[in-house]
Amino acid sequence: MKSQTLRAIEAILEADPGISEKHRRTVMGVLRGELPTPSDAPVDLVAQVTKLLETVKVPKTHMRREEAAEYLGCSIRQIDQMKHDGDLPFCKLGGRLIIFKRADLDRVMEESRIAIDEA
């Protein structure tokens, strides 16, 4: 499990006043693989954590071309064109892999937003 996901789950467990510190430590230990699932684990807590794992999705901070196109709702060709025109910054890794920062994608969307004047 990714460390970002674990941190998000831990923060949510800490924010819930109904979950004791002991239970939080136990759950986090199990998720990290440090502890076996205890036989006396409260069923409702296990259900809560299972539900939490299904709903927690840590947003990606970097995306490939295909993911960037899906994120913006445009074609890969449009991503390539914005990259070529210098409108969309990118990182080139290993000579071929092109990566875009989500913050740059958000900035491009905000800059191209057309506001309608209220009359």
N, C-alpha and C. Protein backbone atom coordinates (compact mmCIF):
# COMPACT_ATOMS: atom_id res chain seq x y z
N MET A 1 0.84 -1.17 0.00
CA MET A 1 0.00 0.00 0.00
C MET A 1 0.89 1.24 0.00
N LYS A 2 0.52 2.23 -0.78
CA LYS A 2 1.32 3.44 -0.90
C LYS A 2 1.31 4.24 0.40
N SER A 3 2.44 4.91 0.65
CA SER A 3 2.56 5.68 1.89
C SER A 3 1.56 6.84 1.93
N GLN A 4 1.24 7.43 0.78
CA GLN A 4 0.25 8.52 0.75
C GLN A 4 -1.11 8.01 1.20
N THR A 5 -1.47 6.82 0.76
CA THR A 5 -2.75 6.24 1.14
C THR A 5 -2.77 5.94 2.63
N LEU A 6 -1.67 5.38 3.13
CA LEU A 6 -1.58 5.09 4.56
C LEU A 6 -1.69 6.36 5.40
N ARG A 7 -1.03 7.43 4.95
CA ARG A 7 -1.11 8.69 5.69
C ARG A 7 -2.53 9.24 5.68
N ALA A 8 -3.22 9.10 4.54
CA ALA A 8 -4.60 9.58 4.46
C ALA A 8 -5.50 8.78 5.39
N ILE A 9 -5.33 7.47 5.41
CA ILE A 9 -6.14 6.62 6.29
C ILE A 9 -5.85 6.95 7.75
N GLU A 10 -4.58 7.12 8.08
CA GLU A 10 -4.22 7.43 9.46
C GLU A 10 -4.85 8.76 9.90
N ALA A 11 -4.82 9.76 9.02
CA ALA A 11 -5.41 11.06 9.34
C ALA A 11 -6.91 10.94 9.57
N ILE A 12 -7.57 10.13 8.76
CA ILE A 12 -9.01 9.96 8.92
C ILE A 12 -9.32 9.22 10.22
N LEU A 13 -8.53 8.21 10.53
CA LEU A 13 -8.73 7.48 11.78
C LEU A 13 -8.49 8.37 12.99
N GLU A 14 -7.49 9.23 12.91
CA GLU A 14 -7.20 10.15 14.01
C GLU A 14 -8.33 11.16 14.19
N ALA A 15 -8.97 11.54 13.11
CA ALA A 15 -10.03 12.54 13.18
C ALA A 15 -11.34 11.98 13.74
N ASP A 16 -11.48 10.66 13.74
CA ASP A 16 -12.71 10.04 14.22
C ASP A 16 -12.61 9.83 15.73
N PRO A 17 -13.40 10.57 16.53
CA PRO A 17 -13.31 10.44 17.98
C PRO A 17 -13.80 9.09 18.50
N GLY A 18 -14.51 8.34 17.68
CA GLY A 18 -15.02 7.04 18.10
C GLY A 18 -13.98 5.93 18.01
N ILE A 19 -12.81 6.22 17.45
CA ILE A 19 -11.78 5.20 17.32
C ILE A 19 -10.67 5.49 18.33
N SER A 20 -10.41 4.53 19.19
CA SER A 20 -9.41 4.72 20.23
C SER A 20 -8.00 4.69 19.63
N GLU A 21 -7.06 5.24 20.38
CA GLU A 21 -5.65 5.26 19.96
C GLU A 21 -5.14 3.83 19.76
N LYS A 22 -5.53 2.92 20.67
CA LYS A 22 -5.09 1.52 20.57
C LYS A 22 -5.59 0.90 19.26
N HIS A 23 -6.86 1.13 18.94
CA HIS A 23 -7.42 0.57 17.71
C HIS A 23 -6.77 1.20 16.48
N ARG A 24 -6.53 2.50 16.53
CA ARG A 24 -5.87 3.17 15.41
C ARG A 24 -4.49 2.58 15.17
N ARG A 25 -3.71 2.39 16.24
CA ARG A 25 -2.37 1.80 16.09
C ARG A 25 -2.44 0.38 15.54
N THR A 26 -3.42 -0.37 16.02
CA THR A 26 -3.57 -1.75 15.55
C THR A 26 -3.92 -1.78 14.06
N VAL A 27 -4.88 -0.96 13.66
CA VAL A 27 -5.29 -0.92 12.25
C VAL A 27 -4.11 -0.51 11.37
N MET A 28 -3.40 0.53 11.76
CA MET A 28 -2.27 0.99 10.96
C MET A 28 -1.18 -0.07 10.90
N GLY A 29 -0.95 -0.76 12.01
CA GLY A 29 0.05 -1.84 12.02
C GLY A 29 -0.32 -2.96 11.06
N VAL A 30 -1.61 -3.30 11.04
CA VAL A 30 -2.09 -4.35 10.13
C VAL A 30 -1.94 -3.89 8.68
N LEU A 31 -2.34 -2.64 8.38
CA LEU A 31 -2.26 -2.13 7.01
C LEU A 31 -0.82 -2.05 6.53
N ARG A 32 0.10 -1.73 7.43
CA ARG A 32 1.51 -1.65 7.05
C ARG A 32 2.17 -3.03 6.97
N GLY A 33 1.47 -4.07 7.42
CA GLY A 33 2.02 -5.41 7.41
C GLY A 33 2.91 -5.70 8.60
N GLU A 34 2.90 -4.83 9.60
CA GLU A 34 3.73 -5.01 10.79
C GLU A 34 3.08 -5.94 11.81
N LEU A 35 1.76 -6.05 11.77
CA LEU A 35 1.01 -6.86 12.72
C LEU A 35 0.04 -7.77 11.98
N PRO A 36 -0.20 -8.96 12.53
CA PRO A 36 -1.26 -9.79 11.93
C PRO A 36 -2.61 -9.23 12.34
N THR A 37 -3.64 -9.56 11.59
CA THR A 37 -4.98 -9.11 11.94
C THR A 37 -5.37 -9.78 13.26
N PRO A 38 -5.66 -9.00 14.27
CA PRO A 38 -5.98 -9.60 15.56
C PRO A 38 -7.32 -10.31 15.53
N SER A 39 -7.40 -11.40 16.27
CA SER A 39 -8.65 -12.17 16.30
C SER A 39 -9.74 -11.43 17.06
N ASP A 40 -9.33 -10.50 17.94
CA ASP A 40 -10.32 -9.76 18.72
C ASP A 40 -10.61 -8.38 18.12
N ALA A 41 -10.27 -8.18 16.86
CA ALA A 41 -10.51 -6.88 16.21
C ALA A 41 -12.01 -6.64 16.13
N PRO A 42 -12.44 -5.44 16.50
CA PRO A 42 -13.87 -5.14 16.41
C PRO A 42 -14.35 -5.24 14.96
N VAL A 43 -15.41 -5.96 14.77
CA VAL A 43 -15.94 -6.18 13.42
C VAL A 43 -16.31 -4.87 12.76
N ASP A 44 -16.91 -3.96 13.52
CA ASP A 44 -17.32 -2.69 12.93
C ASP A 44 -16.12 -1.85 12.51
N LEU A 45 -15.01 -1.93 13.25
CA LEU A 45 -13.82 -1.18 12.88
C LEU A 45 -13.21 -1.74 11.60
N VAL A 46 -13.17 -3.05 11.50
CA VAL A 46 -12.65 -3.68 10.28
C VAL A 46 -13.51 -3.28 9.09
N ALA A 47 -14.83 -3.24 9.29
CA ALA A 47 -15.74 -2.84 8.21
C ALA A 47 -15.52 -1.37 7.84
N GLN A 48 -15.30 -0.53 8.85
CA GLN A 48 -15.04 0.89 8.58
C GLN A 48 -13.77 1.07 7.77
N VAL A 49 -12.72 0.36 8.15
CA VAL A 49 -11.44 0.50 7.44
C VAL A 49 -11.56 -0.06 6.03
N THR A 50 -12.26 -1.16 5.88
CA THR A 50 -12.46 -1.73 4.55
C THR A 50 -13.20 -0.74 3.66
N LYS A 51 -14.25 -0.14 4.19
CA LYS A 51 -15.01 0.86 3.43
C LYS A 51 -14.13 2.07 3.11
N LEU A 52 -13.32 2.47 4.07
CA LEU A 52 -12.42 3.60 3.89
C LEU A 52 -11.43 3.33 2.77
N LEU A 53 -10.87 2.13 2.73
CA LEU A 53 -9.91 1.78 1.69
C LEU A 53 -10.54 1.83 0.31
N GLU A 54 -11.83 1.53 0.23
CA GLU A 54 -12.52 1.57 -1.05
C GLU A 54 -12.77 3.01 -1.52
N THR A 55 -12.93 3.92 -0.57
CA THR A 55 -13.28 5.29 -0.94
C THR A 55 -12.09 6.23 -1.03
N VAL A 56 -11.00 5.91 -0.31
CA VAL A 56 -9.84 6.81 -0.31
C VAL A 56 -9.08 6.64 -1.61
N LYS A 57 -8.94 7.73 -2.29
CA LYS A 57 -8.16 7.73 -3.53
C LYS A 57 -7.28 8.98 -3.49
N VAL A 58 -6.00 8.74 -3.31
CA VAL A 58 -5.06 9.86 -3.24
C VAL A 58 -4.80 10.34 -4.67
N PRO A 59 -5.06 11.62 -4.94
CA PRO A 59 -4.88 12.11 -6.30
C PRO A 59 -3.42 12.05 -6.74
N LYS A 60 -3.24 11.71 -7.99
CA LYS A 60 -1.89 11.66 -8.55
C LYS A 60 -1.35 13.07 -8.70
N THR A 61 -0.05 13.21 -8.44
CA THR A 61 0.57 14.52 -8.62
C THR A 61 1.25 14.64 -9.97
N HIS A 62 1.54 13.50 -10.60
CA HIS A 62 2.17 13.49 -11.92
C HIS A 62 1.43 12.49 -12.81
N MET A 63 1.33 12.82 -14.09
CA MET A 63 0.58 11.97 -15.01
C MET A 63 1.30 11.82 -16.35
N ARG A 64 1.07 10.69 -16.97
CA ARG A 64 1.55 10.47 -18.33
C ARG A 64 0.58 11.14 -19.30
N ARG A 65 0.95 11.12 -20.59
CA ARG A 65 0.13 11.80 -21.61
C ARG A 65 -1.32 11.34 -21.59
N GLU A 66 -1.52 10.03 -21.57
CA GLU A 66 -2.87 9.47 -21.62
C GLU A 66 -3.68 9.91 -20.40
N GLU A 67 -3.03 9.87 -19.23
CA GLU A 67 -3.72 10.26 -18.01
C GLU A 67 -4.03 11.76 -18.01
N ALA A 68 -3.09 12.55 -18.52
CA ALA A 68 -3.29 14.00 -18.60
C ALA A 68 -4.46 14.33 -19.53
N ALA A 69 -4.52 13.62 -20.65
CA ALA A 69 -5.62 13.85 -21.60
C ALA A 69 -6.96 13.49 -20.96
N GLU A 70 -7.00 12.39 -20.25
CA GLU A 70 -8.24 11.99 -19.57
C GLU A 70 -8.60 13.00 -18.48
N TYR A 71 -7.61 13.46 -17.75
CA TYR A 71 -7.84 14.43 -16.67
C TYR A 71 -8.44 15.73 -17.21
N LEU A 72 -7.92 16.20 -18.34
CA LEU A 72 -8.42 17.44 -18.93
C LEU A 72 -9.65 17.22 -19.81
N GLY A 73 -9.93 15.97 -20.16
CA GLY A 73 -11.07 15.70 -21.02
C GLY A 73 -10.80 16.05 -22.47
N CYS A 74 -9.56 15.88 -22.89
CA CYS A 74 -9.20 16.19 -24.27
C CYS A 74 -8.45 15.00 -24.87
N SER A 75 -8.02 15.15 -26.10
CA SER A 75 -7.30 14.07 -26.76
C SER A 75 -5.80 14.12 -26.44
N ILE A 76 -5.14 13.02 -26.68
CA ILE A 76 -3.68 12.97 -26.51
C ILE A 76 -3.03 13.93 -27.49
N ARG A 77 -3.62 14.03 -28.69
CA ARG A 77 -3.08 14.94 -29.69
C ARG A 77 -3.11 16.40 -29.19
N GLN A 78 -4.19 16.76 -28.49
CA GLN A 78 -4.29 18.11 -27.94
C GLN A 78 -3.22 18.34 -26.86
N ILE A 79 -2.97 17.33 -26.04
CA ILE A 79 -1.90 17.41 -25.03
C ILE A 79 -0.57 17.63 -25.73
N ASP A 80 -0.31 16.85 -26.77
CA ASP A 80 0.94 16.99 -27.52
C ASP A 80 1.07 18.38 -28.14
N GLN A 81 -0.05 18.92 -28.63
CA GLN A 81 -0.03 20.24 -29.25
C GLN A 81 0.27 21.33 -28.20
N MET A 82 -0.36 21.25 -27.04
CA MET A 82 -0.09 22.22 -25.98
C MET A 82 1.36 22.12 -25.51
N LYS A 83 1.88 20.91 -25.46
CA LYS A 83 3.28 20.70 -25.08
C LYS A 83 4.20 21.31 -26.13
N HIS A 84 3.91 21.06 -27.39
CA HIS A 84 4.72 21.58 -28.50
C HIS A 84 4.68 23.11 -28.56
N ASP A 85 3.51 23.70 -28.31
CA ASP A 85 3.36 25.16 -28.35
C ASP A 85 3.96 25.85 -27.13
N GLY A 86 4.35 25.09 -26.13
CA GLY A 86 4.93 25.67 -24.91
C GLY A 86 3.88 26.11 -23.91
N ASP A 87 2.63 25.70 -24.12
CA ASP A 87 1.56 26.07 -23.20
C ASP A 87 1.47 25.13 -22.00
N LEU A 88 2.07 23.95 -22.12
CA LEU A 88 1.97 22.95 -21.06
C LEU A 88 3.37 22.44 -20.71
N PRO A 89 3.90 22.83 -19.55
CA PRO A 89 5.22 22.35 -19.14
C PRO A 89 5.20 20.84 -18.93
N PHE A 90 6.36 20.21 -19.10
CA PHE A 90 6.44 18.76 -18.94
C PHE A 90 7.85 18.38 -18.50
N CYS A 91 7.97 17.16 -18.03
CA CYS A 91 9.27 16.59 -17.66
C CYS A 91 9.53 15.41 -18.60
N LYS A 92 10.76 15.30 -19.02
CA LYS A 92 11.14 14.19 -19.89
C LYS A 92 12.10 13.30 -19.10
N LEU A 93 11.69 12.07 -18.86
CA LEU A 93 12.48 11.15 -18.07
C LEU A 93 13.01 10.02 -18.94
N GLY A 94 14.27 9.72 -18.78
CA GLY A 94 14.84 8.59 -19.49
C GLY A 94 14.84 8.73 -21.00
N GLY A 95 14.74 9.94 -21.50
CA GLY A 95 14.80 10.16 -22.94
C GLY A 95 13.47 10.05 -23.66
N ARG A 96 12.50 9.30 -23.09
CA ARG A 96 11.24 9.10 -23.81
C ARG A 96 9.99 9.36 -22.99
N LEU A 97 10.05 9.10 -21.71
CA LEU A 97 8.86 9.21 -20.88
C LEU A 97 8.53 10.67 -20.59
N ILE A 98 7.32 11.07 -20.96
CA ILE A 98 6.84 12.44 -20.75
C ILE A 98 5.86 12.43 -19.58
N ILE A 99 6.14 13.32 -18.61
CA ILE A 99 5.32 13.41 -17.40
C ILE A 99 4.84 14.85 -17.23
N PHE A 100 3.58 15.00 -16.82
CA PHE A 100 3.00 16.32 -16.57
C PHE A 100 2.62 16.42 -15.11
N LYS A 101 2.84 17.59 -14.51
CA LYS A 101 2.41 17.83 -13.14
C LYS A 101 0.94 18.20 -13.15
N ARG A 102 0.19 17.64 -12.20
CA ARG A 102 -1.22 17.95 -12.11
C ARG A 102 -1.44 19.45 -11.90
N ALA A 103 -0.56 20.08 -11.13
CA ALA A 103 -0.68 21.53 -10.88
C ALA A 103 -0.58 22.31 -12.19
N ASP A 104 0.29 21.86 -13.11
CA ASP A 104 0.40 22.53 -14.41
C ASP A 104 -0.86 22.33 -15.24
N LEU A 105 -1.43 21.13 -15.17
CA LEU A 105 -2.68 20.88 -15.90
C LEU A 105 -3.80 21.75 -15.35
N ASP A 106 -3.86 21.87 -14.02
CA ASP A 106 -4.87 22.73 -13.41
C ASP A 106 -4.66 24.19 -13.82
N ARG A 107 -3.42 24.63 -13.87
CA ARG A 107 -3.11 26.01 -14.25
C ARG A 107 -3.54 26.27 -15.69
N VAL A 108 -3.27 25.35 -16.59
CA VAL A 108 -3.67 25.50 -17.99
C VAL A 108 -5.19 25.62 -18.09
N MET A 109 -5.91 24.82 -17.32
CA MET A 109 -7.37 24.90 -17.35
C MET A 109 -7.85 26.24 -16.81
N GLU A 110 -7.24 26.70 -15.74
CA GLU A 110 -7.66 27.98 -15.15
C GLU A 110 -7.35 29.14 -16.09
N GLU A 111 -6.20 29.10 -16.75
CA GLU A 111 -5.82 30.18 -17.67
C GLU A 111 -6.70 30.22 -18.91
N SER A 112 -7.23 29.07 -19.31
CA SER A 112 -8.05 29.04 -20.52
C SER A 112 -9.54 29.20 -20.20
N ARG A 113 -9.85 29.40 -18.94
CA ARG A 113 -11.24 29.58 -18.53
C ARG A 113 -11.76 30.91 -19.05
N ILE A 114 -12.94 30.87 -19.59
CA ILE A 114 -13.58 32.07 -20.12
C ILE A 114 -14.75 32.42 -19.19
N ALA A 115 -14.61 33.55 -18.52
CA ALA A 115 -15.65 33.99 -17.59
C ALA A 115 -16.73 34.74 -18.37
N ILE A 116 -17.94 34.54 -17.97
CA ILE A 116 -19.07 35.23 -18.58
C ILE A 116 -19.44 36.38 -17.66
N ASP A 117 -19.44 37.59 -18.22
CA ASP A 117 -19.78 38.76 -17.42
C ASP A 117 -21.23 38.70 -16.99
N GLU A 118 -21.43 39.01 -15.72
CA GLU A 118 -22.80 39.03 -15.22
C GLU A 118 -23.41 40.38 -15.51
N ALA A 119 -24.60 40.39 -16.06
CA ALA A 119 -25.24 41.66 -16.44
C ALA A 119 -26.14 42.16 -15.35
